[in-house]
Amino acid sequence: MNGKTHKTVGVVAGAATAVVRSGGQRTLRRAVEAVGGGLGGYVGAALPDLLEPAISPRHRGVGHSFTAGTGIVAAAAKHATTWERSCRSKADALLARTDDPNTDGVERFMCLLGAVLLLLAAGLLSGFAAGYVSHLALDATTPRSLPLLSPSLV
């Protein structure tokens, strides 16, 4: 697979994962989290080839292994819910400040900007994991497939 395919699939996988994980949020919040998931998916999908550039057909090492994919998924599963709740809670606090009549226009704008950035961040972690795994899943379908660990370790 080429880098463009990995990144495109990573964005879709990351955004879709963030949408699923943002269930219960209002539509606009879900959309912002989906954008964050897409950004995370882009980075996650690009990372394996940044760690191990495709300079030869045998470039797949630990970063392209089932072990790496399992580790990324396990870490995201362990931390994503806490991360999302924290980001959403902080966004709520900032949005509440925009309703305060004592908040001036500049502060209101900064609070809105901060809330949007926090909602983007809420989708980022699970989107990153989905993008990384999508890269590995695509590579697993090629004739070279994926190593369990790394060819140099086995």
N, C-alpha and C. Protein backbone atom coordinates (compact mmCIF):
# COMPACT_ATOMS: atom_id res chain seq x y z
N MET A 1 0.84 -1.18 0.00
CA MET A 1 0.00 0.00 0.00
C MET A 1 0.89 1.24 0.00
N ASN A 2 0.37 2.31 -0.59
CA ASN A 2 1.15 3.55 -0.59
C ASN A 2 0.69 4.46 0.54
N GLY A 3 1.49 5.49 0.79
CA GLY A 3 1.22 6.41 1.89
C GLY A 3 -0.12 7.11 1.78
N LYS A 4 -0.51 7.49 0.56
CA LYS A 4 -1.78 8.18 0.37
C LYS A 4 -2.95 7.28 0.78
N THR A 5 -2.89 6.02 0.40
CA THR A 5 -3.95 5.08 0.77
C THR A 5 -4.00 4.90 2.29
N HIS A 6 -2.83 4.73 2.90
CA HIS A 6 -2.78 4.57 4.36
C HIS A 6 -3.41 5.77 5.06
N LYS A 7 -3.04 6.97 4.62
CA LYS A 7 -3.54 8.18 5.28
C LYS A 7 -5.04 8.36 5.07
N THR A 8 -5.52 8.08 3.85
CA THR A 8 -6.95 8.21 3.57
C THR A 8 -7.76 7.25 4.42
N VAL A 9 -7.34 6.00 4.45
CA VAL A 9 -8.04 5.00 5.25
C VAL A 9 -7.92 5.35 6.74
N GLY A 10 -6.76 5.84 7.16
CA GLY A 10 -6.56 6.24 8.55
C GLY A 10 -7.48 7.35 8.98
N VAL A 11 -7.67 8.36 8.11
CA VAL A 11 -8.58 9.46 8.43
C VAL A 11 -10.01 8.94 8.59
N VAL A 12 -10.44 8.09 7.66
CA VAL A 12 -11.80 7.54 7.73
C VAL A 12 -11.96 6.67 8.99
N ALA A 13 -10.99 5.81 9.24
CA ALA A 13 -11.06 4.94 10.42
C ALA A 13 -11.05 5.76 11.71
N GLY A 14 -10.20 6.77 11.78
CA GLY A 14 -10.12 7.61 12.97
C GLY A 14 -11.39 8.40 13.21
N ALA A 15 -11.93 9.00 12.14
CA ALA A 15 -13.16 9.78 12.27
C ALA A 15 -14.32 8.88 12.66
N ALA A 16 -14.43 7.72 12.03
CA ALA A 16 -15.52 6.80 12.35
C ALA A 16 -15.44 6.32 13.80
N THR A 17 -14.23 6.02 14.25
CA THR A 17 -14.04 5.58 15.64
C THR A 17 -14.45 6.68 16.61
N ALA A 18 -14.05 7.91 16.32
CA ALA A 18 -14.40 9.03 17.19
C ALA A 18 -15.91 9.26 17.21
N VAL A 19 -16.57 9.11 16.07
CA VAL A 19 -18.03 9.27 16.03
C VAL A 19 -18.70 8.23 16.91
N VAL A 20 -18.27 6.99 16.79
CA VAL A 20 -18.85 5.92 17.61
C VAL A 20 -18.61 6.21 19.09
N ARG A 21 -17.41 6.62 19.42
CA ARG A 21 -17.07 6.84 20.84
C ARG A 21 -17.71 8.12 21.39
N SER A 22 -18.18 9.01 20.52
CA SER A 22 -18.79 10.26 20.99
C SER A 22 -20.30 10.15 21.14
N GLY A 23 -20.83 8.95 21.06
CA GLY A 23 -22.27 8.74 21.21
C GLY A 23 -22.79 9.41 22.48
N GLY A 24 -23.96 10.01 22.37
CA GLY A 24 -24.53 10.71 23.52
C GLY A 24 -24.22 12.20 23.51
N GLN A 25 -23.26 12.61 22.71
CA GLN A 25 -22.94 14.03 22.59
C GLN A 25 -23.88 14.67 21.58
N ARG A 26 -24.02 15.98 21.65
CA ARG A 26 -24.81 16.68 20.64
C ARG A 26 -24.09 16.63 19.30
N THR A 27 -24.84 16.82 18.22
CA THR A 27 -24.34 16.65 16.85
C THR A 27 -23.09 17.48 16.57
N LEU A 28 -23.08 18.74 16.94
CA LEU A 28 -21.92 19.59 16.67
C LEU A 28 -20.69 19.10 17.41
N ARG A 29 -20.85 18.68 18.64
CA ARG A 29 -19.73 18.14 19.42
C ARG A 29 -19.21 16.86 18.77
N ARG A 30 -20.11 16.00 18.33
CA ARG A 30 -19.70 14.75 17.67
C ARG A 30 -18.92 15.07 16.40
N ALA A 31 -19.35 16.08 15.67
CA ALA A 31 -18.65 16.46 14.45
C ALA A 31 -17.24 16.95 14.75
N VAL A 32 -17.10 17.75 15.80
CA VAL A 32 -15.77 18.25 16.17
C VAL A 32 -14.89 17.08 16.62
N GLU A 33 -15.43 16.19 17.42
CA GLU A 33 -14.65 15.01 17.85
C GLU A 33 -14.29 14.14 16.65
N ALA A 34 -15.18 14.05 15.65
CA ALA A 34 -14.87 13.28 14.44
C ALA A 34 -13.70 13.89 13.69
N VAL A 35 -13.65 15.21 13.63
CA VAL A 35 -12.50 15.88 12.99
C VAL A 35 -11.22 15.55 13.76
N GLY A 36 -11.30 15.60 15.09
CA GLY A 36 -10.15 15.22 15.91
C GLY A 36 -9.74 13.78 15.68
N GLY A 37 -10.73 12.90 15.56
CA GLY A 37 -10.44 11.49 15.26
C GLY A 37 -9.79 11.33 13.90
N GLY A 38 -10.25 12.11 12.92
CA GLY A 38 -9.65 12.07 11.60
C GLY A 38 -8.20 12.54 11.61
N LEU A 39 -7.94 13.60 12.38
CA LEU A 39 -6.55 14.08 12.51
C LEU A 39 -5.68 13.03 13.19
N GLY A 40 -6.20 12.44 14.26
CA GLY A 40 -5.47 11.38 14.94
C GLY A 40 -5.25 10.19 14.03
N GLY A 41 -6.28 9.85 13.23
CA GLY A 41 -6.16 8.75 12.28
C GLY A 41 -5.10 8.99 11.23
N TYR A 42 -4.99 10.23 10.77
CA TYR A 42 -3.97 10.59 9.78
C TYR A 42 -2.57 10.36 10.36
N VAL A 43 -2.36 10.87 11.57
CA VAL A 43 -1.05 10.72 12.22
C VAL A 43 -0.76 9.25 12.51
N GLY A 44 -1.76 8.55 13.05
CA GLY A 44 -1.57 7.13 13.36
C GLY A 44 -1.26 6.31 12.13
N ALA A 45 -1.93 6.61 11.02
CA ALA A 45 -1.70 5.86 9.79
C ALA A 45 -0.34 6.17 9.18
N ALA A 46 0.17 7.36 9.40
CA ALA A 46 1.48 7.74 8.85
C ALA A 46 2.63 7.24 9.71
N LEU A 47 2.40 7.05 11.01
CA LEU A 47 3.49 6.76 11.94
C LEU A 47 4.30 5.50 11.64
N PRO A 48 3.70 4.37 11.30
CA PRO A 48 4.53 3.19 11.04
C PRO A 48 5.60 3.43 9.97
N ASP A 49 5.24 4.14 8.90
CA ASP A 49 6.23 4.40 7.85
C ASP A 49 7.19 5.54 8.22
N LEU A 50 6.83 6.36 9.18
CA LEU A 50 7.78 7.36 9.69
C LEU A 50 8.82 6.67 10.57
N LEU A 51 8.36 5.70 11.36
CA LEU A 51 9.27 4.95 12.23
C LEU A 51 10.17 4.03 11.43
N GLU A 52 9.59 3.42 10.40
CA GLU A 52 10.31 2.46 9.56
C GLU A 52 10.02 2.77 8.10
N PRO A 53 10.76 3.73 7.53
CA PRO A 53 10.47 4.15 6.16
C PRO A 53 10.55 2.98 5.17
N ALA A 54 9.69 3.07 4.16
CA ALA A 54 9.60 2.00 3.15
C ALA A 54 10.72 2.16 2.12
N ILE A 55 11.97 2.00 2.56
CA ILE A 55 13.11 2.15 1.65
C ILE A 55 13.49 0.82 1.02
N SER A 56 12.89 -0.26 1.49
CA SER A 56 13.10 -1.57 0.89
C SER A 56 11.86 -2.42 1.17
N PRO A 57 11.67 -3.51 0.43
CA PRO A 57 10.52 -4.37 0.70
C PRO A 57 10.56 -5.01 2.07
N ARG A 58 11.71 -5.01 2.73
CA ARG A 58 11.85 -5.65 4.04
C ARG A 58 11.89 -4.61 5.17
N HIS A 59 11.20 -3.48 4.97
CA HIS A 59 11.26 -2.40 5.95
C HIS A 59 10.41 -2.63 7.19
N ARG A 60 9.63 -3.66 7.22
CA ARG A 60 8.71 -3.86 8.33
C ARG A 60 9.39 -4.51 9.53
N GLY A 61 9.45 -3.74 10.60
CA GLY A 61 10.03 -4.22 11.84
C GLY A 61 9.00 -4.13 12.96
N VAL A 62 9.45 -3.76 14.14
CA VAL A 62 8.57 -3.71 15.31
C VAL A 62 7.39 -2.76 15.10
N GLY A 63 7.63 -1.62 14.48
CA GLY A 63 6.56 -0.64 14.25
C GLY A 63 5.47 -1.15 13.34
N HIS A 64 5.78 -2.15 12.53
CA HIS A 64 4.82 -2.75 11.61
C HIS A 64 4.40 -4.14 12.07
N SER A 65 4.43 -4.41 13.34
CA SER A 65 4.17 -5.76 13.83
C SER A 65 2.80 -5.88 14.49
N PHE A 66 2.32 -7.12 14.58
CA PHE A 66 1.09 -7.38 15.32
C PHE A 66 1.25 -6.96 16.77
N THR A 67 2.45 -7.10 17.30
CA THR A 67 2.71 -6.71 18.69
C THR A 67 2.51 -5.21 18.88
N ALA A 68 3.01 -4.41 17.96
CA ALA A 68 2.82 -2.95 18.05
C ALA A 68 1.34 -2.60 17.98
N GLY A 69 0.63 -3.21 17.04
CA GLY A 69 -0.80 -2.95 16.91
C GLY A 69 -1.56 -3.30 18.17
N THR A 70 -1.23 -4.44 18.75
CA THR A 70 -1.88 -4.87 19.99
C THR A 70 -1.58 -3.89 21.12
N GLY A 71 -0.34 -3.42 21.20
CA GLY A 71 0.04 -2.47 22.24
C GLY A 71 -0.69 -1.14 22.10
N ILE A 72 -0.81 -0.65 20.87
CA ILE A 72 -1.51 0.61 20.62
C ILE A 72 -2.98 0.48 21.01
N VAL A 73 -3.60 -0.60 20.59
CA VAL A 73 -5.02 -0.81 20.92
C VAL A 73 -5.21 -0.95 22.42
N ALA A 74 -4.34 -1.69 23.08
CA ALA A 74 -4.45 -1.88 24.54
C ALA A 74 -4.30 -0.55 25.27
N ALA A 75 -3.34 0.26 24.86
CA ALA A 75 -3.13 1.56 25.51
C ALA A 75 -4.33 2.48 25.29
N ALA A 76 -4.84 2.50 24.07
CA ALA A 76 -6.01 3.34 23.79
C ALA A 76 -7.22 2.86 24.57
N ALA A 77 -7.42 1.55 24.62
CA ALA A 77 -8.56 1.00 25.35
C ALA A 77 -8.48 1.36 26.84
N LYS A 78 -7.27 1.37 27.36
CA LYS A 78 -7.08 1.66 28.79
C LYS A 78 -7.29 3.15 29.11
N HIS A 79 -6.88 4.03 28.19
CA HIS A 79 -6.85 5.46 28.51
C HIS A 79 -7.87 6.32 27.78
N ALA A 80 -8.46 5.84 26.71
CA ALA A 80 -9.31 6.70 25.88
C ALA A 80 -10.52 7.24 26.61
N THR A 81 -11.21 6.42 27.35
CA THR A 81 -12.43 6.88 28.02
C THR A 81 -12.12 7.98 29.03
N THR A 82 -11.09 7.80 29.81
CA THR A 82 -10.69 8.83 30.79
C THR A 82 -10.29 10.11 30.07
N TRP A 83 -9.51 9.96 29.01
CA TRP A 83 -9.06 11.11 28.21
C TRP A 83 -10.27 11.87 27.65
N GLU A 84 -11.20 11.15 27.04
CA GLU A 84 -12.38 11.78 26.44
C GLU A 84 -13.21 12.50 27.50
N ARG A 85 -13.45 11.86 28.62
CA ARG A 85 -14.25 12.50 29.69
C ARG A 85 -13.58 13.77 30.20
N SER A 86 -12.27 13.71 30.37
CA SER A 86 -11.54 14.88 30.85
C SER A 86 -11.63 16.03 29.85
N CYS A 87 -11.41 15.73 28.58
CA CYS A 87 -11.48 16.78 27.56
C CYS A 87 -12.89 17.37 27.49
N ARG A 88 -13.91 16.52 27.52
CA ARG A 88 -15.30 17.00 27.45
C ARG A 88 -15.67 17.84 28.67
N SER A 89 -15.23 17.41 29.84
CA SER A 89 -15.52 18.15 31.06
C SER A 89 -14.88 19.54 31.04
N LYS A 90 -13.64 19.60 30.60
CA LYS A 90 -12.95 20.90 30.52
C LYS A 90 -13.60 21.78 29.46
N ALA A 91 -14.04 21.18 28.35
CA ALA A 91 -14.74 21.95 27.32
C ALA A 91 -16.05 22.51 27.89
N ASP A 92 -16.77 21.70 28.66
CA ASP A 92 -18.02 22.16 29.28
C ASP A 92 -17.77 23.36 30.19
N ALA A 93 -16.69 23.29 30.96
CA ALA A 93 -16.37 24.39 31.88
C ALA A 93 -16.08 25.68 31.10
N LEU A 94 -15.37 25.55 30.00
CA LEU A 94 -15.08 26.74 29.18
C LEU A 94 -16.35 27.28 28.54
N LEU A 95 -17.20 26.39 28.05
CA LEU A 95 -18.44 26.84 27.42
C LEU A 95 -19.36 27.52 28.44
N ALA A 96 -19.35 27.04 29.68
CA ALA A 96 -20.17 27.67 30.72
C ALA A 96 -19.72 29.11 30.96
N ARG A 97 -18.43 29.36 30.84
CA ARG A 97 -17.93 30.73 31.03
C ARG A 97 -18.42 31.68 29.94
N THR A 98 -18.75 31.14 28.77
CA THR A 98 -19.23 32.02 27.70
C THR A 98 -20.63 32.55 27.99
N ASP A 99 -21.37 31.88 28.88
CA ASP A 99 -22.73 32.33 29.25
C ASP A 99 -22.70 33.36 30.38
N ASP A 100 -21.56 33.54 31.01
CA ASP A 100 -21.44 34.49 32.11
C ASP A 100 -21.48 35.92 31.56
N PRO A 101 -22.40 36.75 32.05
CA PRO A 101 -22.50 38.13 31.54
C PRO A 101 -21.25 38.96 31.82
N ASN A 102 -20.42 38.53 32.76
CA ASN A 102 -19.19 39.26 33.07
C ASN A 102 -18.04 38.89 32.13
N THR A 103 -18.26 37.93 31.24
CA THR A 103 -17.21 37.51 30.31
C THR A 103 -17.24 38.45 29.10
N ASP A 104 -16.09 39.08 28.84
CA ASP A 104 -16.04 40.00 27.69
C ASP A 104 -15.85 39.23 26.39
N GLY A 105 -15.88 39.93 25.28
CA GLY A 105 -15.82 39.30 23.96
C GLY A 105 -14.56 38.52 23.70
N VAL A 106 -13.41 39.05 24.10
CA VAL A 106 -12.14 38.35 23.87
C VAL A 106 -12.09 37.07 24.70
N GLU A 107 -12.48 37.18 25.95
CA GLU A 107 -12.48 35.98 26.80
C GLU A 107 -13.47 34.95 26.28
N ARG A 108 -14.64 35.40 25.84
CA ARG A 108 -15.64 34.49 25.29
C ARG A 108 -15.07 33.75 24.08
N PHE A 109 -14.40 34.48 23.19
CA PHE A 109 -13.78 33.86 22.01
C PHE A 109 -12.73 32.84 22.42
N MET A 110 -11.88 33.20 23.39
CA MET A 110 -10.83 32.28 23.83
C MET A 110 -11.43 31.03 24.49
N CYS A 111 -12.50 31.19 25.21
CA CYS A 111 -13.17 30.04 25.81
C CYS A 111 -13.75 29.13 24.73
N LEU A 112 -14.38 29.72 23.73
CA LEU A 112 -14.92 28.92 22.62
C LEU A 112 -13.81 28.20 21.88
N LEU A 113 -12.72 28.89 21.62
CA LEU A 113 -11.57 28.27 20.94
C LEU A 113 -11.01 27.12 21.77
N GLY A 114 -10.85 27.35 23.05
CA GLY A 114 -10.35 26.30 23.94
C GLY A 114 -11.28 25.10 23.98
N ALA A 115 -12.58 25.34 24.00
CA ALA A 115 -13.55 24.24 24.02
C ALA A 115 -13.46 23.42 22.73
N VAL A 116 -13.34 24.10 21.59
CA VAL A 116 -13.21 23.38 20.32
C VAL A 116 -11.94 22.55 20.30
N LEU A 117 -10.83 23.12 20.76
CA LEU A 117 -9.57 22.38 20.80
C LEU A 117 -9.66 21.16 21.72
N LEU A 118 -10.34 21.31 22.83
CA LEU A 118 -10.52 20.19 23.75
C LEU A 118 -11.40 19.10 23.15
N LEU A 119 -12.43 19.48 22.41
CA LEU A 119 -13.27 18.47 21.76
C LEU A 119 -12.52 17.78 20.63
N LEU A 120 -11.68 18.53 19.91
CA LEU A 120 -10.80 17.90 18.92
C LEU A 120 -9.90 16.87 19.61
N ALA A 121 -9.34 17.27 20.73
CA ALA A 121 -8.45 16.37 21.48
C ALA A 121 -9.19 15.14 21.98
N ALA A 122 -10.48 15.28 22.29
CA ALA A 122 -11.26 14.13 22.77
C ALA A 122 -11.28 13.02 21.74
N GLY A 123 -11.32 13.36 20.45
CA GLY A 123 -11.34 12.35 19.41
C GLY A 123 -9.98 11.88 18.97
N LEU A 124 -8.95 12.59 19.36
CA LEU A 124 -7.60 12.35 18.85
C LEU A 124 -7.03 10.98 19.22
N LEU A 125 -7.12 10.58 20.46
CA LEU A 125 -6.47 9.35 20.92
C LEU A 125 -7.06 8.10 20.27
N SER A 126 -8.38 7.98 20.30
CA SER A 126 -8.98 6.80 19.68
C SER A 126 -8.80 6.84 18.16
N GLY A 127 -8.82 8.04 17.58
CA GLY A 127 -8.56 8.17 16.15
C GLY A 127 -7.15 7.76 15.78
N PHE A 128 -6.19 8.12 16.63
CA PHE A 128 -4.80 7.73 16.40
C PHE A 128 -4.67 6.21 16.38
N ALA A 129 -5.25 5.56 17.37
CA ALA A 129 -5.17 4.09 17.46
C ALA A 129 -5.82 3.45 16.23
N ALA A 130 -6.98 3.96 15.83
CA ALA A 130 -7.67 3.40 14.66
C ALA A 130 -6.83 3.60 13.39
N GLY A 131 -6.20 4.75 13.26
CA GLY A 131 -5.35 5.00 12.09
C GLY A 131 -4.14 4.09 12.06
N TYR A 132 -3.51 3.90 13.20
CA TYR A 132 -2.33 3.03 13.27
C TYR A 132 -2.71 1.60 12.90
N VAL A 133 -3.80 1.13 13.49
CA VAL A 133 -4.24 -0.23 13.21
C VAL A 133 -4.69 -0.38 11.76
N SER A 134 -5.29 0.67 11.20
CA SER A 134 -5.69 0.57 9.79
C SER A 134 -4.47 0.41 8.89
N HIS A 135 -3.38 1.07 9.22
CA HIS A 135 -2.13 0.91 8.45
C HIS A 135 -1.67 -0.54 8.52
N LEU A 136 -1.66 -1.09 9.71
CA LEU A 136 -1.22 -2.48 9.87
C LEU A 136 -2.16 -3.45 9.16
N ALA A 137 -3.46 -3.18 9.24
CA ALA A 137 -4.43 -4.06 8.58
C ALA A 137 -4.23 -4.06 7.07
N LEU A 138 -3.98 -2.88 6.49
CA LEU A 138 -3.72 -2.81 5.05
C LEU A 138 -2.44 -3.55 4.70
N ASP A 139 -1.40 -3.35 5.49
CA ASP A 139 -0.13 -4.03 5.21
C ASP A 139 -0.24 -5.54 5.39
N ALA A 140 -1.11 -5.98 6.28
CA ALA A 140 -1.28 -7.42 6.51
C ALA A 140 -1.87 -8.12 5.29
N THR A 141 -2.53 -7.35 4.42
CA THR A 141 -3.13 -7.95 3.23
C THR A 141 -2.16 -8.06 2.06
N THR A 142 -0.93 -7.58 2.23
CA THR A 142 0.06 -7.65 1.16
C THR A 142 0.83 -8.97 1.24
N PRO A 143 1.52 -9.35 0.18
CA PRO A 143 2.28 -10.61 0.21
C PRO A 143 3.31 -10.68 1.34
N ARG A 144 3.89 -9.55 1.75
CA ARG A 144 4.89 -9.55 2.83
C ARG A 144 4.23 -9.64 4.20
N SER A 145 2.95 -9.32 4.28
CA SER A 145 2.18 -9.36 5.51
C SER A 145 2.86 -8.57 6.64
N LEU A 146 2.71 -9.01 7.87
CA LEU A 146 3.29 -8.34 9.04
C LEU A 146 4.05 -9.34 9.89
N PRO A 147 5.16 -8.91 10.49
CA PRO A 147 5.82 -9.79 11.44
C PRO A 147 5.08 -9.81 12.77
N LEU A 148 5.25 -10.89 13.52
CA LEU A 148 4.68 -10.95 14.86
C LEU A 148 5.37 -9.90 15.73
N LEU A 149 6.70 -9.90 15.72
CA LEU A 149 7.49 -8.90 16.44
C LEU A 149 8.28 -8.07 15.44
N SER A 150 9.42 -8.58 15.05
CA SER A 150 10.29 -7.93 14.08
C SER A 150 11.18 -9.00 13.48
N PRO A 151 11.46 -8.93 12.17
CA PRO A 151 12.33 -9.94 11.57
C PRO A 151 13.70 -10.03 12.24
N SER A 152 14.19 -8.92 12.79
CA SER A 152 15.50 -8.94 13.44
C SER A 152 15.45 -9.54 14.84
N LEU A 153 14.24 -9.66 15.42
CA LEU A 153 14.12 -10.19 16.78
C LEU A 153 13.78 -11.67 16.80
N VAL A 154 13.37 -12.21 15.67
CA VAL A 154 12.99 -13.63 15.64
C VAL A 154 13.97 -14.46 14.88
